[in-house]
Protein backbone atom coordinates (compact mmCIF):
# COMPACT_ATOMS: atom_id res chain seq x y z
CA MET A 1 0.00 0.00 0.00
CA LYS A 2 1.24 3.49 -0.85
CA ASN A 3 1.65 5.85 2.08
CA ILE A 4 -0.56 8.91 2.41
CA GLU A 5 2.23 11.26 1.34
CA GLU A 6 2.59 9.44 -1.96
CA ILE A 7 -1.18 9.25 -2.45
CA VAL A 8 -1.55 13.01 -1.95
CA ARG A 9 1.38 13.73 -4.24
CA ILE A 10 -0.09 11.60 -7.05
CA GLY A 11 -3.52 13.12 -6.52
CA ASN A 12 -2.12 16.64 -6.71
CA GLU A 13 -0.13 15.86 -9.85
CA ASN A 14 -3.28 14.54 -11.53
CA GLY A 15 -5.46 17.50 -10.59
CA ALA A 16 -7.58 15.71 -7.99
CA SER A 17 -9.80 17.89 -5.81
CA ASP A 18 -10.56 15.09 -3.34
CA ILE A 19 -9.16 11.73 -2.23
CA HIS A 20 -11.32 8.96 -0.76
CA ILE A 21 -9.93 6.19 1.46
CA SER A 22 -12.34 3.36 2.26
CA MET A 23 -12.06 -0.34 3.09
CA GLY A 24 -12.81 -2.79 0.28
CA VAL A 25 -12.15 -0.44 -2.64
CA PRO A 26 -9.02 1.17 -4.14
CA VAL A 27 -7.99 4.73 -3.36
CA LEU A 28 -10.31 7.02 -5.35
CA PHE A 29 -9.51 10.48 -6.71
CA ARG A 30 -12.16 13.00 -7.70
CA ILE A 31 -10.89 14.59 -10.91
CA ASP A 32 -13.06 17.09 -12.82
CA GLY A 33 -16.06 15.90 -10.80
CA ASP A 34 -15.67 12.15 -11.43
CA LEU A 35 -14.26 9.42 -9.16
CA GLN A 36 -11.28 7.60 -10.65
CA LYS A 37 -9.15 4.76 -9.24
CA LEU A 38 -5.55 5.32 -8.27
CA ASP A 39 -4.84 1.66 -9.09
CA ASP A 40 -6.46 -1.77 -8.58
CA GLU A 41 -5.11 -2.34 -5.06
CA VAL A 42 -8.07 -2.82 -2.70
CA LEU A 43 -7.61 -1.31 0.75
CA SER A 44 -7.88 -3.65 3.74
CA PHE A 45 -9.10 -2.89 7.25
CA ALA A 46 -5.47 -2.67 8.40
CA ASP A 47 -4.58 -0.30 5.53
CA CYS A 48 -7.36 2.10 6.47
CA GLU A 49 -6.56 1.88 10.15
CA ALA A 50 -2.91 2.74 9.48
CA ILE A 51 -3.85 5.74 7.32
CA GLY A 52 -6.28 6.93 9.99
CA GLN A 53 -3.63 6.69 12.70
CA ARG A 54 -1.12 8.57 10.55
CA LEU A 55 -3.58 11.39 9.80
CA ALA A 56 -5.14 11.71 13.27
CA GLY A 57 -1.94 11.29 15.29
CA ASP A 58 -2.65 11.96 18.97
CA LEU A 59 -6.34 12.55 18.15
CA PHE A 60 -6.91 8.99 16.90
CA ASP A 61 -8.44 7.83 20.20
CA GLN A 62 -10.81 10.80 20.08
CA MET A 63 -11.86 9.83 16.56
CA ARG A 64 -12.37 6.25 17.72
CA ARG A 65 -14.71 7.47 20.48
CA THR A 66 -16.70 10.03 18.49
CA GLY A 67 -16.69 8.34 15.07
CA GLU A 68 -15.42 11.36 13.11
CA LEU A 69 -12.72 14.00 13.17
CA ASP A 70 -12.02 17.19 11.17
CA LEU A 71 -8.50 18.52 10.78
CA ALA A 72 -6.10 19.98 8.24
CA GLU A 73 -2.38 19.69 7.62
CA THR A 74 0.27 20.07 4.96
CA ILE A 75 1.09 16.76 3.24
CA SER A 76 3.60 16.46 0.39
CA GLU A 77 3.72 20.27 0.21
CA SER A 78 -0.06 20.50 -0.30
CA ARG A 79 -2.51 21.88 2.24
CA VAL A 80 -5.13 19.18 2.84
CA ARG A 81 -8.47 19.36 4.66
CA ILE A 82 -9.20 16.00 6.27
CA ASN A 83 -12.35 14.33 7.54
CA LEU A 84 -11.90 10.95 9.19
CA TYR A 85 -14.95 8.81 9.92
CA ARG A 86 -15.88 5.21 10.59
CA THR A 87 -17.87 3.07 8.15
CA LYS A 88 -18.97 -0.37 9.35
CA GLY A 89 -16.28 -0.18 12.01
CA ALA A 90 -13.42 0.68 9.62
CA VAL A 91 -11.67 4.02 9.21
CA SER A 92 -12.56 6.01 6.11
CA ALA A 93 -11.13 9.35 5.05
CA ALA A 94 -12.15 12.17 2.73
CA LEU A 95 -9.30 14.54 1.89
CA ARG A 96 -9.77 17.85 0.09
CA ILE A 97 -6.60 19.04 -1.66
CA LEU A 98 -6.29 22.81 -1.46
CA HIS A 99 -4.12 25.05 -3.58
CA ASP A 100 -0.43 25.05 -2.69
CA HIS A 101 -0.75 28.83 -2.42
CA ILE A 102 -3.61 31.27 -2.17
CA PRO A 103 -4.56 32.18 -5.75
CA GLU A 104 -4.88 35.74 -7.02
CA LEU A 105 -8.47 36.90 -6.88
CA SER A 106 -8.31 37.91 -10.55
CA SER A 107 -7.38 34.34 -11.56
CA LEU A 108 -10.58 32.68 -10.30
CA GLY A 109 -12.91 33.73 -13.13
CA LEU A 110 -15.38 35.43 -10.78
CA PRO A 111 -17.69 38.31 -11.74
CA LYS A 112 -15.74 41.54 -12.17
CA VAL A 113 -17.51 43.25 -9.29
CA VAL A 114 -15.99 40.74 -6.82
CA SER A 115 -12.68 42.58 -7.25
CA ASP A 116 -14.31 45.45 -5.31
CA PHE A 117 -15.06 43.30 -2.25
CA PRO A 118 -11.58 43.80 -0.69
CA THR A 119 -12.18 47.57 -0.72
CA TYR A 120 -15.37 47.43 1.39
CA ASN A 121 -15.01 48.87 4.90
CA LYS A 122 -18.00 47.40 6.74
CA GLY A 123 -21.04 45.17 6.35
CA ILE A 124 -21.54 41.48 5.54
CA ILE A 125 -20.54 39.68 2.36
CA LEU A 126 -21.81 36.11 1.95
CA VAL A 127 -20.14 33.48 -0.23
CA THR A 128 -22.47 30.53 -0.70
CA GLY A 129 -22.67 27.21 -2.50
CA GLU A 130 -22.70 23.49 -1.95
CA THR A 131 -19.73 21.58 -0.56
CA GLY A 132 -16.85 21.63 -3.04
CA SER A 133 -18.01 24.75 -4.87
CA GLY A 134 -14.84 26.73 -4.15
CA LYS A 135 -16.14 28.97 -1.35
CA SER A 136 -12.99 28.59 0.78
CA THR A 137 -10.71 29.46 -2.14
CA THR A 138 -12.75 32.56 -3.01
CA MET A 139 -12.73 33.73 0.61
CA ALA A 140 -8.99 33.15 0.92
CA ALA A 141 -8.27 35.11 -2.26
CA ILE A 142 -10.39 38.06 -1.08
CA LEU A 143 -8.76 38.13 2.36
CA ASN A 144 -5.29 37.85 0.87
CA GLU A 145 -6.02 40.82 -1.37
CA ILE A 146 -6.92 42.79 1.76
CA ASN A 147 -3.71 41.49 3.35
CA HIS A 148 -1.66 42.96 0.51
CA THR A 149 -3.47 46.31 0.20
CA ARG A 150 -4.66 47.45 3.65
CA ARG A 151 -3.18 47.83 7.14
CA GLU A 152 -5.75 46.13 9.34
CA HIS A 153 -6.38 43.27 11.74
CA ILE A 154 -8.02 40.22 10.15
CA ILE A 155 -9.39 37.49 12.43
CA THR A 156 -10.68 34.20 11.03
CA LEU A 157 -12.79 31.49 12.67
CA GLU A 158 -12.38 28.21 10.78
CA ASP A 159 -13.20 24.54 11.24
CA PRO A 160 -10.53 23.47 10.43
CA ILE A 161 -7.99 26.10 9.29
CA GLU A 162 -7.54 25.52 5.56
CA TYR A 163 -5.35 28.13 3.86
CA ILE A 164 -2.42 29.51 5.82
CA TYR A 165 -1.86 33.25 5.37
CA THR A 166 1.47 35.04 5.57
CA ASP A 167 1.13 38.47 7.17
CA ASP A 168 1.94 41.28 4.75
CA LYS A 169 0.37 44.65 5.50
CA CYS A 170 -2.23 43.07 7.79
CA LEU A 171 -2.02 41.22 11.08
CA ILE A 172 -3.90 37.94 10.50
CA SER A 173 -5.09 35.89 13.50
CA GLN A 174 -6.42 32.47 12.45
CA ARG A 175 -8.46 30.67 15.10
CA GLU A 176 -9.53 27.04 14.78
CA ILE A 177 -12.74 25.69 16.30
CA GLY A 178 -11.91 23.04 18.88
CA ASN A 179 -8.27 24.08 19.29
CA ASP A 180 -8.29 27.87 19.71
CA THR A 181 -11.93 28.41 20.69
CA GLU A 182 -14.82 26.18 21.71
CA SER A 183 -17.32 27.10 19.00
CA TYR A 184 -18.15 29.65 16.32
CA ALA A 185 -20.53 31.43 18.71
CA GLU A 186 -17.97 31.60 21.55
CA GLY A 187 -15.14 32.63 19.23
CA LEU A 188 -17.20 35.32 17.55
CA ARG A 189 -18.25 36.85 20.88
CA ALA A 190 -14.57 37.01 21.87
CA ILE A 191 -13.54 38.49 18.50
CA LEU A 192 -15.46 41.67 19.25
CA ARG A 193 -13.01 42.28 22.14
CA GLU A 194 -9.91 41.60 19.99
CA ASP A 195 -9.86 44.82 17.94
CA PRO A 196 -10.66 43.31 14.52
CA ASP A 197 -11.23 45.24 11.32
CA VAL A 198 -12.12 42.24 9.14
CA ILE A 199 -13.75 39.01 10.35
CA LEU A 200 -14.06 35.71 8.47
CA ILE A 201 -16.61 33.20 9.74
CA GLY A 202 -16.02 29.80 8.17
CA GLU A 203 -19.71 28.92 8.41
CA MET A 204 -22.77 30.59 9.93
CA ARG A 205 -24.25 27.46 11.50
CA ASP A 206 -26.71 28.73 14.10
CA GLY A 207 -28.77 31.68 15.19
CA GLU A 208 -26.33 32.83 17.87
CA THR A 209 -23.48 33.00 15.36
CA ILE A 210 -25.63 34.81 12.80
CA GLU A 211 -26.87 37.33 15.37
CA THR A 212 -23.35 38.10 16.61
CA ALA A 213 -22.13 38.46 13.01
CA LEU A 214 -24.91 40.99 12.31
CA THR A 215 -23.96 42.91 15.44
CA ALA A 216 -20.30 42.94 14.36
CA ALA A 217 -21.29 44.37 10.97
CA GLU A 218 -23.55 46.96 12.59
CA THR A 219 -20.67 48.17 14.75
CA GLY A 220 -18.45 48.91 11.76
CA HIS A 221 -16.64 45.65 10.99
CA LEU A 222 -16.31 43.97 7.59
CA VAL A 223 -17.63 40.42 7.94
CA PHE A 224 -17.23 37.57 5.45
CA ALA A 225 -19.19 34.35 5.97
CA THR A 226 -20.26 31.22 4.10
CA LEU A 227 -23.58 29.43 3.82
CA HIS A 228 -24.59 26.18 2.14
CA THR A 229 -27.21 27.75 -0.12
CA ASN A 230 -27.49 27.83 -3.89
CA SER A 231 -28.73 31.35 -4.59
CA ALA A 232 -28.76 34.86 -3.18
CA VAL A 233 -32.47 34.74 -2.41
CA ASP A 234 -32.13 31.38 -0.67
CA SER A 235 -29.35 32.84 1.47
CA VAL A 236 -31.58 35.60 2.82
CA ASP A 237 -34.41 33.14 3.49
CA ARG A 238 -32.04 30.71 5.21
CA ILE A 239 -30.68 33.37 7.58
CA VAL A 240 -34.12 34.69 8.51
CA GLY A 241 -35.62 31.19 8.76
CA THR A 242 -33.03 30.20 11.36
CA PHE A 243 -34.90 32.32 13.90
CA PRO A 244 -38.34 31.91 15.51
CA ALA A 245 -41.16 33.90 13.95
CA GLU A 246 -41.25 36.53 16.70
CA LYS A 247 -37.60 37.41 16.07
CA GLN A 248 -37.55 37.37 12.28
CA HIS A 249 -38.62 40.99 11.81
CA GLN A 250 -35.68 42.26 13.86
CA ILE A 251 -33.25 39.99 11.95
CA ARG A 252 -34.60 41.30 8.64
CA ILE A 253 -33.98 44.88 9.78
CA GLN A 254 -30.40 44.05 10.81
CA LEU A 255 -29.71 42.08 7.63
CA ALA A 256 -31.16 44.82 5.43
CA SER A 257 -28.86 47.41 6.98
CA THR A 258 -25.66 45.31 6.89
CA LEU A 259 -25.75 42.97 3.86
CA LYS A 260 -23.53 44.26 1.04
CA ALA A 261 -23.39 41.37 -1.43
CA VAL A 262 -24.06 37.67 -1.91
CA LEU A 263 -21.86 35.56 -4.20
CA SER A 264 -23.26 32.09 -4.94
CA GLN A 265 -21.05 29.73 -6.88
CA GLN A 266 -20.69 26.22 -8.27
CA LEU A 267 -17.76 24.51 -10.00
CA LEU A 268 -18.53 23.00 -13.40
CA VAL A 269 -16.51 20.79 -15.72
CA LYS A 270 -15.05 22.78 -18.59
CA LYS A 271 -15.88 22.02 -22.20
CA GLY A 272 -13.79 19.05 -23.26
CA GLY A 273 -13.86 17.51 -19.78
CA LYS A 274 -10.56 18.85 -18.41
CA GLY A 275 -10.58 21.24 -15.49
CA ARG A 276 -13.41 23.11 -13.80
CA ALA A 277 -14.67 26.68 -13.90
CA ALA A 278 -16.72 28.74 -11.45
CA ALA A 279 -20.27 29.68 -12.39
CA CYS A 280 -21.52 32.50 -10.18
CA GLU A 281 -24.60 34.41 -9.18
CA CYS A 282 -23.73 37.76 -7.65
CA MET A 283 -26.26 40.04 -5.97
CA ILE A 284 -25.06 43.52 -5.06
CA VAL A 285 -27.49 44.86 -2.47
CA THR A 286 -29.33 47.95 -3.75
CA PRO A 287 -31.82 50.20 -1.92
CA ALA A 288 -34.65 48.23 -3.56
CA ILE A 289 -33.24 44.94 -2.31
CA ARG A 290 -32.76 46.39 1.18
CA ASN A 291 -36.45 47.30 1.25
CA GLN A 292 -37.40 43.81 0.06
CA ILE A 293 -35.29 42.18 2.76
CA ARG A 294 -36.75 44.48 5.42
CA GLU A 295 -40.33 43.86 4.30
CA GLY A 296 -39.93 40.09 3.80
CA ASN A 297 -40.53 40.48 0.06
CA THR A 298 -37.84 38.03 -1.03
CA ALA A 299 -39.97 36.80 -3.95
CA GLN A 300 -39.20 40.13 -5.67
CA MET A 301 -35.45 40.02 -5.03
CA GLN A 302 -34.61 38.00 -8.13
CA SER A 303 -36.20 40.65 -10.33
CA SER A 304 -34.22 43.34 -8.53
CA LEU A 305 -31.04 41.32 -9.02
CA LEU A 306 -31.70 41.10 -12.77
CA SER A 307 -32.37 44.83 -13.01
CA SER A 308 -29.10 45.74 -11.28
CA ALA A 309 -26.76 44.23 -13.87
CA ASN A 310 -25.34 47.71 -14.49
CA ILE A 311 -23.65 47.64 -11.06
CA GLY A 312 -22.30 44.11 -11.43
CA SER A 313 -25.11 41.79 -10.37
CA ILE A 314 -25.68 38.66 -12.44
CA SER A 315 -28.03 35.70 -12.11
CA MET A 316 -26.75 32.14 -12.21
CA ASP A 317 -28.63 31.36 -15.41
CA ASN A 318 -27.28 34.40 -17.24
CA CYS A 319 -23.78 33.50 -16.10
CA LEU A 320 -24.25 29.97 -17.48
CA ILE A 321 -25.40 31.34 -20.84
CA GLN A 322 -22.31 33.56 -21.01
CA MET A 323 -20.07 30.59 -20.22
CA VAL A 324 -21.63 28.53 -23.03
CA LYS A 325 -21.29 31.37 -25.52
CA ASN A 326 -17.65 31.85 -24.46
CA ASN A 327 -16.98 28.11 -24.96
CA VAL A 328 -16.05 27.62 -21.30
CA ILE A 329 -18.67 24.90 -20.68
CA ASP A 330 -20.94 22.94 -23.00
CA ALA A 331 -24.68 23.42 -23.25
CA GLN A 332 -25.59 20.23 -21.39
CA THR A 333 -23.47 21.23 -18.41
CA ALA A 334 -25.26 24.59 -18.31
CA ILE A 335 -28.67 22.95 -18.51
CA ASP A 336 -27.84 20.56 -15.68
CA ALA A 337 -26.61 23.43 -13.47
CA ALA A 338 -29.43 25.87 -14.27
CA ASN A 339 -32.22 27.14 -12.05
CA ASP A 340 -34.43 27.36 -15.15
CA SER A 341 -33.26 24.79 -17.69
CA ASP A 342 -35.86 25.86 -20.28
CA PHE A 343 -34.49 29.42 -20.18
CA ILE A 344 -30.99 28.07 -20.84
CA LYS A 345 -32.18 25.91 -23.73
CA GLN A 346 -33.94 28.86 -25.34
CA ASN A 347 -30.85 31.03 -25.09
CA VAL A 348 -28.19 28.57 -26.22
CA GLY A 349 -30.32 27.19 -29.03
CA VAL A 350 -29.93 23.47 -28.40
CA ARG A 351 -31.77 20.48 -27.05
CA ALA A 352 -29.57 18.27 -24.91
CA PHE A 353 -30.07 15.02 -23.08
CA LYS A 354 -28.36 14.02 -19.86
CA THR A 355 -26.39 10.83 -19.44
CA SER A 356 -24.86 9.63 -16.21
CA SER A 357 -22.76 6.86 -14.74
CA PHE A 358 -22.05 5.89 -11.16
CA GLU A 359 -18.86 3.91 -11.93
CA PRO A 360 -15.38 5.40 -11.61
CA ARG A 361 -14.40 6.17 -15.19
CA ARG A 362 -10.78 5.12 -15.32
CA THR A 363 -7.62 4.36 -13.41
CA ILE A 364 -4.94 7.04 -12.97
């Protein structure tokens, strides 16, 4: 069996985004969205146990008690986010390979208006999307741009710490849930006493965290946070819906006064099947949208988003159409990723049919 250092190195060389370790199957790499075998060597119980012990180190007994463990470390010169878990009594692992360095914001193919985000002085900016959509990379690139252009104190709350920043003009304090603070809510309450200018919240998981984040933005801080939602409108509804009905009006008022922008993204396979590109919906919050948030009129927000294209907003479906016309992705990929597939079909001028397979396509 190859050791984990060699597995990560091979995965990185082949452009894998994720590595899966599980008993009874070979090591699997996720490359351009598909699972592919490293080789034909099937992992045994002992193989998986050894990998788990290597990755968890002194925390292996904790993982054995709780059944799962999140951590991150640098392996074979690549930063790797690790989740260990047990399946039918055996150790399994899901490893996310991160960039060796924090990419330039301009290199990510995001909407042009995102380049303005590092210049904002206060308020909340949300970056949303499903797991594996590139949220962490986008956040890191934005914060690193601030690091290189402003003289401020950035504090991050992460679970686990993914990208490692090197202080340039900013002081950057990275705090890890479980090691440096007990929880997002506890860490965020403490942050307000630590003289921050910019705050990154790895995930807004509960009402207490959301409420403290809104308070931080109201008191003049710039707050970045992620949510697992697929659109700007869904993000607003998710935040408000976290709270009981009697509190939702107050949350809407706070959100309306602090929300600056929502960037929702997904990673799609490029035309030709090699590499992936970000498809984005970006909602810049206008006075009309603030009123809609305040009044609970989220059904009208999508129309307001579409009408504010002149200031940089773009819907997911319009972004997908642009990507097809620019030959970045093919029409079927756009249709599969669309909110309104009929709208995409009408605007790219094709009829396409989806095919799928659940088998790993090939061996590395």
